[in-house]
Amino acid sequence: MKRQPCVYVLASRPHGTLYIGVTSNLLTRLIQHRDGTFKGFTERYDITRLVWYEVADTMDAAIHREKQLKKWNRDWKLRLIEETNPQWLDLGPSIGLDGMHDG
């Protein structure tokens, strides 16, 4: 996946702890989360399952969307995920993540 601004949601498990982030390279960032090189909240709570993402035209647009989603209540976030990923599947393989980085 080439460099492309996007906002993404990771989960510890279906309906588990959520993390909302923004990046210009989703595949690289996901590998960082899974390898533990992206320190902090996601490492501490083992949040590595990519359950939703949205591509943006610009980094500013992605950051704006991230801030918007972080203000949403939990039910809205769950609904957003389940609209496109009702089974909470890990979307990592769909963006090119191979089995070597499953965490």
PDB file of N, CA and C in Angstrom:
ATOM      1  N   MET A   1       0.856  -1.178   0.000  1.00  0.00           N
ATOM      2  CA  MET A   1       0.000   0.000   0.000  1.00  0.00           C
ATOM      3  C   MET A   1       0.897   1.234   0.000  1.00  0.00           C
ATOM      4  N   LYS A   2       0.705   2.101  -0.970  1.00  0.00           N
ATOM      5  CA  LYS A   2       1.527   3.303  -1.036  1.00  0.00           C
ATOM      6  C   LYS A   2       1.105   4.297   0.021  1.00  0.00           C
ATOM      7  N   ARG A   3       1.881   5.348   0.153  1.00  0.00           N
ATOM      8  CA  ARG A   3       1.562   6.374   1.132  1.00  0.00           C
ATOM      9  C   ARG A   3       0.217   7.010   0.783  1.00  0.00           C
ATOM     10  N   GLN A   4      -0.690   6.940   1.749  1.00  0.00           N
ATOM     11  CA  GLN A   4      -2.039   7.460   1.548  1.00  0.00           C
ATOM     12  C   GLN A   4      -2.604   7.825   2.910  1.00  0.00           C
ATOM     13  N   PRO A   5      -2.933   9.097   3.126  1.00  0.00           N
ATOM     14  CA  PRO A   5      -3.503   9.469   4.430  1.00  0.00           C
ATOM     15  C   PRO A   5      -4.776   8.693   4.725  1.00  0.00           C
ATOM     16  N   CYS A   6      -4.886   8.226   5.947  1.00  0.00           N
ATOM     17  CA  CYS A   6      -6.115   7.541   6.349  1.00  0.00           C
ATOM     18  C   CYS A   6      -6.267   7.573   7.863  1.00  0.00           C
ATOM     19  N   VAL A   7      -7.490   7.341   8.277  1.00  0.00           N
ATOM     20  CA  VAL A   7      -7.818   7.191   9.691  1.00  0.00           C
ATOM     21  C   VAL A   7      -8.230   5.734   9.867  1.00  0.00           C
ATOM     22  N   TYR A   8      -7.895   5.157  11.017  1.00  0.00           N
ATOM     23  CA  TYR A   8      -8.140   3.734  11.197  1.00  0.00           C
ATOM     24  C   TYR A   8      -8.581   3.446  12.627  1.00  0.00           C
ATOM     25  N   VAL A   9      -9.233   2.291  12.791  1.00  0.00           N
ATOM     26  CA  VAL A   9      -9.654   1.828  14.109  1.00  0.00           C
ATOM     27  C   VAL A   9      -9.085   0.430  14.324  1.00  0.00           C
ATOM     28  N   LEU A  10      -8.404   0.268  15.445  1.00  0.00           N
ATOM     29  CA  LEU A  10      -7.922  -1.038  15.886  1.00  0.00           C
ATOM     30  C   LEU A  10      -8.766  -1.483  17.069  1.00  0.00           C
ATOM     31  N   ALA A  11      -8.864  -2.795  17.256  1.00  0.00           N
ATOM     32  CA  ALA A  11      -9.595  -3.345  18.397  1.00  0.00           C
ATOM     33  C   ALA A  11      -8.772  -4.468  19.021  1.00  0.00           C
ATOM     34  N   SER A  12      -8.943  -4.648  20.320  1.00  0.00           N
ATOM     35  CA  SER A  12      -8.260  -5.743  21.010  1.00  0.00           C
ATOM     36  C   SER A  12      -8.928  -7.077  20.692  1.00  0.00           C
ATOM     37  N   ARG A  13     -10.222  -7.038  20.425  1.00  0.00           N
ATOM     38  CA  ARG A  13     -11.040  -8.208  20.085  1.00  0.00           C
ATOM     39  C   ARG A  13     -12.393  -7.655  19.653  1.00  0.00           C
ATOM     40  N   PRO A  14     -13.294  -8.478  19.121  1.00  0.00           N
ATOM     41  CA  PRO A  14     -14.625  -7.967  18.788  1.00  0.00           C
ATOM     42  C   PRO A  14     -15.280  -7.300  20.005  1.00  0.00           C
ATOM     43  N   HIS A  15     -15.735  -6.099  19.831  1.00  0.00           N
ATOM     44  CA  HIS A  15     -16.372  -5.288  20.870  1.00  0.00           C
ATOM     45  C   HIS A  15     -15.441  -4.992  22.050  1.00  0.00           C
ATOM     46  N   GLY A  16     -14.142  -5.108  21.821  1.00  0.00           N
ATOM     47  CA  GLY A  16     -13.165  -4.864  22.880  1.00  0.00           C
ATOM     48  C   GLY A  16     -12.722  -3.411  22.932  1.00  0.00           C
ATOM     49  N   THR A  17     -11.524  -3.207  23.440  1.00  0.00           N
ATOM     50  CA  THR A  17     -10.954  -1.872  23.547  1.00  0.00           C
ATOM     51  C   THR A  17     -10.617  -1.363  22.152  1.00  0.00           C
ATOM     52  N   LEU A  18     -10.963  -0.101  21.881  1.00  0.00           N
ATOM     53  CA  LEU A  18     -10.747   0.507  20.572  1.00  0.00           C
ATOM     54  C   LEU A  18      -9.635   1.539  20.621  1.00  0.00           C
ATOM     55  N   TYR A  19      -8.979   1.713  19.478  1.00  0.00           N
ATOM     56  CA  TYR A  19      -7.976   2.754  19.293  1.00  0.00           C
ATOM     57  C   TYR A  19      -8.219   3.393  17.940  1.00  0.00           C
ATOM     58  N   ILE A  20      -8.272   4.710  17.901  1.00  0.00           N
ATOM     59  CA  ILE A  20      -8.439   5.440  16.645  1.00  0.00           C
ATOM     60  C   ILE A  20      -7.143   6.184  16.370  1.00  0.00           C
ATOM     61  N   GLY A  21      -6.619   6.016  15.159  1.00  0.00           N
ATOM     62  CA  GLY A  21      -5.370   6.675  14.798  1.00  0.00           C
ATOM     63  C   GLY A  21      -5.412   7.204  13.381  1.00  0.00           C
ATOM     64  N   VAL A  22      -4.347   7.920  13.020  1.00  0.00           N
ATOM     65  CA  VAL A  22      -4.207   8.486  11.684  1.00  0.00           C
ATOM     66  C   VAL A  22      -2.774   8.226  11.222  1.00  0.00           C
ATOM     67  N   THR A  23      -2.608   8.001   9.929  1.00  0.00           N
ATOM     68  CA  THR A  23      -1.283   7.713   9.381  1.00  0.00           C
ATOM     69  C   THR A  23      -1.254   8.025   7.892  1.00  0.00           C
ATOM     70  N   SER A  24      -0.057   8.128   7.356  1.00  0.00           N
ATOM     71  CA  SER A  24       0.094   8.288   5.912  1.00  0.00           C
ATOM     72  C   SER A  24       0.455   6.961   5.240  1.00  0.00           C
ATOM     73  N   ASN A  25       0.686   5.914   6.050  1.00  0.00           N
ATOM     74  CA  ASN A  25       1.016   4.602   5.507  1.00  0.00           C
ATOM     75  C   ASN A  25       0.432   3.535   6.440  1.00  0.00           C
ATOM     76  N   LEU A  26      -0.752   3.083   6.124  1.00  0.00           N
ATOM     77  CA  LEU A  26      -1.487   2.186   7.016  1.00  0.00           C
ATOM     78  C   LEU A  26      -0.769   0.849   7.224  1.00  0.00           C
ATOM     79  N   LEU A  27      -0.229   0.271   6.175  1.00  0.00           N
ATOM     80  CA  LEU A  27       0.436  -1.016   6.315  1.00  0.00           C
ATOM     81  C   LEU A  27       1.632  -0.923   7.262  1.00  0.00           C
ATOM     82  N   THR A  28       2.465   0.085   7.068  1.00  0.00           N
ATOM     83  CA  THR A  28       3.623   0.266   7.939  1.00  0.00           C
ATOM     84  C   THR A  28       3.196   0.511   9.379  1.00  0.00           C
ATOM     85  N   ARG A  29       2.177   1.338   9.582  1.00  0.00           N
ATOM     86  CA  ARG A  29       1.716   1.623  10.940  1.00  0.00           C
ATOM     87  C   ARG A  29       1.153   0.369  11.603  1.00  0.00           C
ATOM     88  N   LEU A  30       0.417  -0.434  10.849  1.00  0.00           N
ATOM     89  CA  LEU A  30      -0.141  -1.663  11.409  1.00  0.00           C
ATOM     90  C   LEU A  30       0.972  -2.627  11.836  1.00  0.00           C
ATOM     91  N   ILE A  31       2.007  -2.726  11.023  1.00  0.00           N
ATOM     92  CA  ILE A  31       3.160  -3.559  11.387  1.00  0.00           C
ATOM     93  C   ILE A  31       3.790  -3.033  12.673  1.00  0.00           C
ATOM     94  N   GLN A  32       3.909  -1.719  12.814  1.00  0.00           N
ATOM     95  CA  GLN A  32       4.478  -1.121  14.028  1.00  0.00           C
ATOM     96  C   GLN A  32       3.633  -1.478  15.252  1.00  0.00           C
ATOM     97  N   HIS A  33       2.318  -1.392  15.115  1.00  0.00           N
ATOM     98  CA  HIS A  33       1.438  -1.754  16.233  1.00  0.00           C
ATOM     99  C   HIS A  33       1.635  -3.221  16.609  1.00  0.00           C
ATOM    100  N   ARG A  34       1.728  -4.091  15.628  1.00  0.00           N
ATOM    101  CA  ARG A  34       1.824  -5.531  15.895  1.00  0.00           C
ATOM    102  C   ARG A  34       3.194  -5.951  16.390  1.00  0.00           C
ATOM    103  N   ASP A  35       4.232  -5.271  15.933  1.00  0.00           N
ATOM    104  CA  ASP A  35       5.587  -5.601  16.377  1.00  0.00           C
ATOM    105  C   ASP A  35       5.921  -4.984  17.730  1.00  0.00           C
ATOM    106  N   GLY A  36       5.056  -4.103  18.230  1.00  0.00           N
ATOM    107  CA  GLY A  36       5.303  -3.449  19.503  1.00  0.00           C
ATOM    108  C   GLY A  36       6.243  -2.258  19.408  1.00  0.00           C
ATOM    109  N   THR A  37       6.553  -1.813  18.183  1.00  0.00           N
ATOM    110  CA  THR A  37       7.430  -0.655  18.029  1.00  0.00           C
ATOM    111  C   THR A  37       6.657   0.654  18.137  1.00  0.00           C
ATOM    112  N   PHE A  38       5.337   0.587  18.114  1.00  0.00           N
ATOM    113  CA  PHE A  38       4.493   1.758  18.327  1.00  0.00           C
ATOM    114  C   PHE A  38       4.050   1.693  19.793  1.00  0.00           C
ATOM    115  N   LYS A  39       4.796   2.355  20.636  1.00  0.00           N
ATOM    116  CA  LYS A  39       4.619   2.234  22.085  1.00  0.00           C
ATOM    117  C   LYS A  39       3.368   2.965  22.583  1.00  0.00           C
ATOM    118  N   GLY A  40       2.930   2.582  23.762  1.00  0.00           N
ATOM    119  CA  GLY A  40       1.829   3.287  24.407  1.00  0.00           C
ATOM    120  C   GLY A  40       0.577   2.447  24.568  1.00  0.00           C
ATOM    121  N   PHE A  41      -0.555   3.096  24.357  1.00  0.00           N
ATOM    122  CA  PHE A  41      -1.866   2.517  24.626  1.00  0.00           C
ATOM    123  C   PHE A  41      -2.078   1.185  23.911  1.00  0.00           C
ATOM    124  N   THR A  42      -1.798   1.131  22.598  1.00  0.00           N
ATOM    125  CA  THR A  42      -2.078  -0.097  21.849  1.00  0.00           C
ATOM    126  C   THR A  42      -1.186  -1.246  22.291  1.00  0.00           C
ATOM    127  N   GLU A  43       0.045  -0.946  22.634  1.00  0.00           N
ATOM    128  CA  GLU A  43       0.946  -1.992  23.120  1.00  0.00           C
ATOM    129  C   GLU A  43       0.489  -2.492  24.494  1.00  0.00           C
ATOM    130  N   ARG A  44       0.140  -1.552  25.360  1.00  0.00           N
ATOM    131  CA  ARG A  44      -0.257  -1.898  26.731  1.00  0.00           C
ATOM    132  C   ARG A  44      -1.499  -2.782  26.758  1.00  0.00           C
ATOM    133  N   TYR A  45      -2.456  -2.525  25.868  1.00  0.00           N
ATOM    134  CA  TYR A  45      -3.721  -3.270  25.875  1.00  0.00           C
ATOM    135  C   TYR A  45      -3.839  -4.279  24.731  1.00  0.00           C
ATOM    136  N   ASP A  46      -2.730  -4.553  24.049  1.00  0.00           N
ATOM    137  CA  ASP A  46      -2.688  -5.536  22.960  1.00  0.00           C
ATOM    138  C   ASP A  46      -3.787  -5.281  21.920  1.00  0.00           C
ATOM    139  N   ILE A  47      -3.812  -4.062  21.415  1.00  0.00           N
ATOM    140  CA  ILE A  47      -4.812  -3.647  20.430  1.00  0.00           C
ATOM    141  C   ILE A  47      -4.147  -3.692  19.063  1.00  0.00           C
ATOM    142  N   THR A  48      -4.403  -4.751  18.301  1.00  0.00           N
ATOM    143  CA  THR A  48      -3.704  -4.943  17.029  1.00  0.00           C
ATOM    144  C   THR A  48      -4.607  -5.306  15.848  1.00  0.00           C
ATOM    145  N   ARG A  49      -5.877  -5.551  16.092  1.00  0.00           N
ATOM    146  CA  ARG A  49      -6.789  -5.986  15.024  1.00  0.00           C
ATOM    147  C   ARG A  49      -7.337  -4.768  14.272  1.00  0.00           C
ATOM    148  N   LEU A  50      -6.997  -4.649  12.983  1.00  0.00           N
ATOM    149  CA  LEU A  50      -7.532  -3.568  12.153  1.00  0.00           C
ATOM    150  C   LEU A  50      -8.978  -3.910  11.801  1.00  0.00           C
ATOM    151  N   VAL A  51      -9.927  -3.107  12.283  1.00  0.00           N
ATOM    152  CA  VAL A  51     -11.342  -3.427  12.057  1.00  0.00           C
ATOM    153  C   VAL A  51     -12.056  -2.418  11.165  1.00  0.00           C
ATOM    154  N   TRP A  52     -11.423  -1.261  10.924  1.00  0.00           N
ATOM    155  CA  TRP A  52     -12.037  -0.245  10.072  1.00  0.00           C
ATOM    156  C   TRP A  52     -10.972   0.750   9.650  1.00  0.00           C
ATOM    157  N   TYR A  53     -11.077   1.242   8.428  1.00  0.00           N
ATOM    158  CA  TYR A  53     -10.228   2.349   8.013  1.00  0.00           C
ATOM    159  C   TYR A  53     -10.908   3.116   6.895  1.00  0.00           C
ATOM    160  N   GLU A  54     -10.461   4.352   6.734  1.00  0.00           N
ATOM    161  CA  GLU A  54     -11.036   5.231   5.727  1.00  0.00           C
ATOM    162  C   GLU A  54      -9.904   6.054   5.123  1.00  0.00           C
ATOM    163  N   VAL A  55      -9.785   6.023   3.812  1.00  0.00           N
ATOM    164  CA  VAL A  55      -8.766   6.770   3.101  1.00  0.00           C
ATOM    165  C   VAL A  55      -9.223   8.220   2.970  1.00  0.00           C
ATOM    166  N   ALA A  56      -8.273   9.149   3.082  1.00  0.00           N
ATOM    167  CA  ALA A  56      -8.567  10.583   2.949  1.00  0.00           C
ATOM    168  C   ALA A  56      -7.728  11.167   1.814  1.00  0.00           C
ATOM    169  N   ASP A  57      -8.192  12.278   1.280  1.00  0.00           N
ATOM    170  CA  ASP A  57      -7.459  12.947   0.201  1.00  0.00           C
ATOM    171  C   ASP A  57      -6.188  13.618   0.701  1.00  0.00           C
ATOM    172  N   THR A  58      -6.233  14.148   1.914  1.00  0.00           N
ATOM    173  CA  THR A  58      -5.088  14.859   2.478  1.00  0.00           C
ATOM    174  C   THR A  58      -4.896  14.439   3.930  1.00  0.00           C
ATOM    175  N   MET A  59      -3.706  14.701   4.456  1.00  0.00           N
ATOM    176  CA  MET A  59      -3.461  14.400   5.864  1.00  0.00           C
ATOM    177  C   MET A  59      -4.335  15.283   6.749  1.00  0.00           C
ATOM    178  N   ASP A  60      -4.534  16.529   6.363  1.00  0.00           N
ATOM    179  CA  ASP A  60      -5.413  17.410   7.135  1.00  0.00           C
ATOM    180  C   ASP A  60      -6.822  16.832   7.240  1.00  0.00           C
ATOM    181  N   ALA A  61      -7.329  16.288   6.136  1.00  0.00           N
ATOM    182  CA  ALA A  61      -8.664  15.682   6.144  1.00  0.00           C
ATOM    183  C   ALA A  61      -8.698  14.444   7.045  1.00  0.00           C
ATOM    184  N   ALA A  62      -7.631  13.650   7.013  1.00  0.00           N
ATOM    185  CA  ALA A  62      -7.568  12.454   7.862  1.00  0.00           C
ATOM    186  C   ALA A  62      -7.532  12.844   9.337  1.00  0.00           C
ATOM    187  N   ILE A  63      -6.745  13.857   9.661  1.00  0.00           N
ATOM    188  CA  ILE A  63      -6.662  14.322  11.053  1.00  0.00           C
ATOM    189  C   ILE A  63      -8.002  14.870  11.522  1.00  0.00           C
ATOM    190  N   HIS A  64      -8.677  15.617  10.651  1.00  0.00           N
ATOM    191  CA  HIS A  64     -10.007  16.149  10.992  1.00  0.00           C
ATOM    192  C   HIS A  64     -10.984  15.008  11.282  1.00  0.00           C
ATOM    193  N   ARG A  65     -10.964  13.981  10.446  1.00  0.00           N
ATOM    194  CA  ARG A  65     -11.861  12.837  10.634  1.00  0.00           C
ATOM    195  C   ARG A  65     -11.507  12.083  11.924  1.00  0.00           C
ATOM    196  N   GLU A  66     -10.220  11.920  12.206  1.00  0.00           N
ATOM    197  CA  GLU A  66      -9.791  11.253  13.442  1.00  0.00           C
ATOM    198  C   GLU A  66     -10.341  11.998  14.658  1.00  0.00           C
ATOM    199  N   LYS A  67     -10.192  13.302  14.679  1.00  0.00           N
ATOM    200  CA  LYS A  67     -10.690  14.104  15.806  1.00  0.00           C
ATOM    201  C   LYS A  67     -12.200  13.973  15.941  1.00  0.00           C
ATOM    202  N   GLN A  68     -12.893  13.945  14.807  1.00  0.00           N
ATOM    203  CA  GLN A  68     -14.349  13.778  14.810  1.00  0.00           C
ATOM    204  C   GLN A  68     -14.740  12.435  15.430  1.00  0.00           C
ATOM    205  N   LEU A  69     -14.086  11.363  14.986  1.00  0.00           N
ATOM    206  CA  LEU A  69     -14.423  10.028  15.488  1.00  0.00           C
ATOM    207  C   LEU A  69     -14.104   9.877  16.972  1.00  0.00           C
ATOM    208  N   LYS A  70     -13.022  10.489  17.425  1.00  0.00           N
ATOM    209  CA  LYS A  70     -12.659  10.384  18.838  1.00  0.00           C
ATOM    210  C   LYS A  70     -13.690  11.043  19.749  1.00  0.00           C
ATOM    211  N   LYS A  71     -14.463  11.967  19.218  1.00  0.00           N
ATOM    212  CA  LYS A  71     -15.515  12.629  20.003  1.00  0.00           C
ATOM    213  C   LYS A  71     -16.805  11.811  20.042  1.00  0.00           C
ATOM    214  N   TRP A  72     -16.937  10.847  19.151  1.00  0.00           N
ATOM    215  CA  TRP A  72     -18.147  10.031  19.093  1.00  0.00           C
ATOM    216  C   TRP A  72     -18.267   9.160  20.333  1.00  0.00           C
ATOM    217  N   ASN A  73     -19.519   8.831  20.682  1.00  0.00           N
ATOM    218  CA  ASN A  73     -19.699   7.880  21.786  1.00  0.00           C
ATOM    219  C   ASN A  73     -19.427   6.462  21.276  1.00  0.00           C
ATOM    220  N   ARG A  74     -19.236   5.551  22.198  1.00  0.00           N
ATOM    221  CA  ARG A  74     -18.844   4.186  21.851  1.00  0.00           C
ATOM    222  C   ARG A  74     -19.845   3.497  20.921  1.00  0.00           C
ATOM    223  N   ASP A  75     -21.135   3.674  21.162  1.00  0.00           N
ATOM    224  CA  ASP A  75     -22.138   3.028  20.309  1.00  0.00           C
ATOM    225  C   ASP A  75     -22.005   3.468  18.855  1.00  0.00           C
ATOM    226  N   TRP A  76     -21.738   4.740  18.621  1.00  0.00           N
ATOM    227  CA  TRP A  76     -21.560   5.240  17.255  1.00  0.00           C
ATOM    228  C   TRP A  76     -20.337   4.593  16.610  1.00  0.00           C
ATOM    229  N   LYS A  77     -19.261   4.448  17.374  1.00  0.00           N
ATOM    230  CA  LYS A  77     -18.042   3.825  16.852  1.00  0.00           C
ATOM    231  C   LYS A  77     -18.299   2.357  16.509  1.00  0.00           C
ATOM    232  N   LEU A  78     -18.990   1.654  17.376  1.00  0.00           N
ATOM    233  CA  LEU A  78     -19.313   0.250  17.114  1.00  0.00           C
ATOM    234  C   LEU A  78     -20.169   0.122  15.856  1.00  0.00           C
ATOM    235  N   ARG A  79     -21.139   0.999  15.721  1.00  0.00           N
ATOM    236  CA  ARG A  79     -22.011   0.979  14.543  1.00  0.00           C
ATOM    237  C   ARG A  79     -21.207   1.239  13.269  1.00  0.00           C
ATOM    238  N   LEU A  80     -20.272   2.186  13.319  1.00  0.00           N
ATOM    239  CA  LEU A  80     -19.429   2.491  12.168  1.00  0.00           C
ATOM    240  C   LEU A  80     -18.654   1.248  11.733  1.00  0.00           C
ATOM    241  N   ILE A  81     -18.052   0.559  12.678  1.00  0.00           N
ATOM    242  CA  ILE A  81     -17.293  -0.654  12.370  1.00  0.00           C
ATOM    243  C   ILE A  81     -18.209  -1.719  11.776  1.00  0.00           C
ATOM    244  N   GLU A  82     -19.338  -1.941  12.419  1.00  0.00           N
ATOM    245  CA  GLU A  82     -20.218  -3.036  12.017  1.00  0.00           C
ATOM    246  C   GLU A  82     -20.942  -2.785  10.699  1.00  0.00           C
ATOM    247  N   GLU A  83     -20.999  -1.528  10.243  1.00  0.00           N
ATOM    248  CA  GLU A  83     -21.600  -1.245   8.931  1.00  0.00           C
ATOM    249  C   GLU A  83     -20.808  -1.917   7.811  1.00  0.00           C
ATOM    250  N   THR A  84     -19.490  -1.955   7.944  1.00  0.00           N
ATOM    251  CA  THR A  84     -18.658  -2.531   6.885  1.00  0.00           C
ATOM    252  C   THR A  84     -17.951  -3.815   7.310  1.00  0.00           C
ATOM    253  N   ASN A  85     -17.910  -4.087   8.609  1.00  0.00           N
ATOM    254  CA  ASN A  85     -17.194  -5.265   9.111  1.00  0.00           C
ATOM    255  C   ASN A  85     -17.985  -5.888  10.267  1.00  0.00           C
ATOM    256  N   PRO A  86     -19.174  -6.428   9.964  1.00  0.00           N
ATOM    257  CA  PRO A  86     -20.046  -6.931  11.036  1.00  0.00           C
ATOM    258  C   PRO A  86     -19.456  -8.076  11.850  1.00  0.00           C
ATOM    259  N   GLN A  87     -18.503  -8.810  11.292  1.00  0.00           N
ATOM    260  CA  GLN A  87     -17.908  -9.928  12.027  1.00  0.00           C
ATOM    261  C   GLN A  87     -16.585  -9.547  12.692  1.00  0.00           C
ATOM    262  N   TRP A  88     -16.230  -8.283  12.627  1.00  0.00           N
ATOM    263  CA  TRP A  88     -15.006  -7.780  13.259  1.00  0.00           C
ATOM    264  C   TRP A  88     -13.774  -8.532  12.778  1.00  0.00           C
ATOM    265  N   LEU A  89     -13.748  -8.844  11.490  1.00  0.00           N
ATOM    266  CA  LEU A  89     -12.596  -9.524  10.922  1.00  0.00           C
ATOM    267  C   LEU A  89     -11.385  -8.603  10.937  1.00  0.00           C
ATOM    268  N   ASP A  90     -10.198  -9.183  11.010  1.00  0.00           N
ATOM    269  CA  ASP A  90      -8.968  -8.412  10.920  1.00  0.00           C
ATOM    270  C   ASP A  90      -8.765  -8.051   9.450  1.00  0.00           C
ATOM    271  N   LEU A  91      -8.733  -6.758   9.143  1.00  0.00           N
ATOM    272  CA  LEU A  91      -8.597  -6.290   7.768  1.00  0.00           C
ATOM    273  C   LEU A  91      -7.132  -6.188   7.330  1.00  0.00           C
ATOM    274  N   GLY A  92      -6.203  -6.544   8.198  1.00  0.00           N
ATOM    275  CA  GLY A  92      -4.788  -6.477   7.860  1.00  0.00           C
ATOM    276  C   GLY A  92      -4.440  -7.172   6.551  1.00  0.00           C
ATOM    277  N   PRO A  93      -4.868  -8.429   6.359  1.00  0.00           N
ATOM    278  CA  PRO A  93      -4.553  -9.099   5.095  1.00  0.00           C
ATOM    279  C   PRO A  93      -5.113  -8.377   3.865  1.00  0.00           C
ATOM    280  N   SER A  94      -6.216  -7.675   4.004  1.00  0.00           N
ATOM    281  CA  SER A  94      -6.806  -6.986   2.857  1.00  0.00           C
ATOM    282  C   SER A  94      -5.978  -5.787   2.398  1.00  0.00           C
ATOM    283  N   ILE A  95      -5.050  -5.315   3.247  1.00  0.00           N
ATOM    284  CA  ILE A  95      -4.170  -4.209   2.842  1.00  0.00           C
ATOM    285  C   ILE A  95      -2.743  -4.695   2.603  1.00  0.00           C
ATOM    286  N   GLY A  96      -2.538  -6.008   2.608  1.00  0.00           N
ATOM    287  CA  GLY A  96      -1.240  -6.557   2.274  1.00  0.00           C
ATOM    288  C   GLY A  96      -0.414  -7.078   3.430  1.00  0.00           C
ATOM    289  N   LEU A  97      -0.979  -7.136   4.623  1.00  0.00           N
ATOM    290  CA  LEU A  97      -0.247  -7.664   5.779  1.00  0.00           C
ATOM    291  C   LEU A  97      -0.140  -9.180   5.644  1.00  0.00           C
ATOM    292  N   ASP A  98       1.069  -9.691   5.726  1.00  0.00           N
ATOM    293  CA  ASP A  98       1.234 -11.136   5.633  1.00  0.00           C
ATOM    294  C   ASP A  98       1.294 -11.760   7.013  1.00  0.00           C
ATOM    295  N   GLY A  99       1.301 -13.057   7.077  1.00  0.00           N
ATOM    296  CA  GLY A  99       1.274 -13.787   8.322  1.00  0.00           C
ATOM    297  C   GLY A  99       2.475 -13.550   9.227  1.00  0.00           C
ATOM    298  N   MET A 100       3.569 -13.004   8.683  1.00  0.00           N
ATOM    299  CA  MET A 100       4.763 -12.753   9.477  1.00  0.00           C
ATOM    300  C   MET A 100       4.544 -11.665  10.526  1.00  0.00           C
ATOM    301  N   HIS A 101       3.532 -10.846  10.338  1.00  0.00           N
ATOM    302  CA  HIS A 101       3.328  -9.707  11.235  1.00  0.00           C
ATOM    303  C   HIS A 101       2.006  -9.810  11.996  1.00  0.00           C
ATOM    304  N   ASP A 102       1.553 -11.002  12.275  1.00  0.00           N
ATOM    305  CA  ASP A 102       0.274 -11.152  12.978  1.00  0.00           C
ATOM    306  C   ASP A 102       0.365 -10.891  14.462  1.00  0.00           C
ATOM    307  N   GLY A 103       1.526 -10.621  14.980  1.00  0.00           N
ATOM    308  CA  GLY A 103       1.675 -10.254  16.381  1.00  0.00           C
ATOM    309  C   GLY A 103       1.694 -11.394  17.337  1.00  0.00           C
TER     310      GLY A 103
END
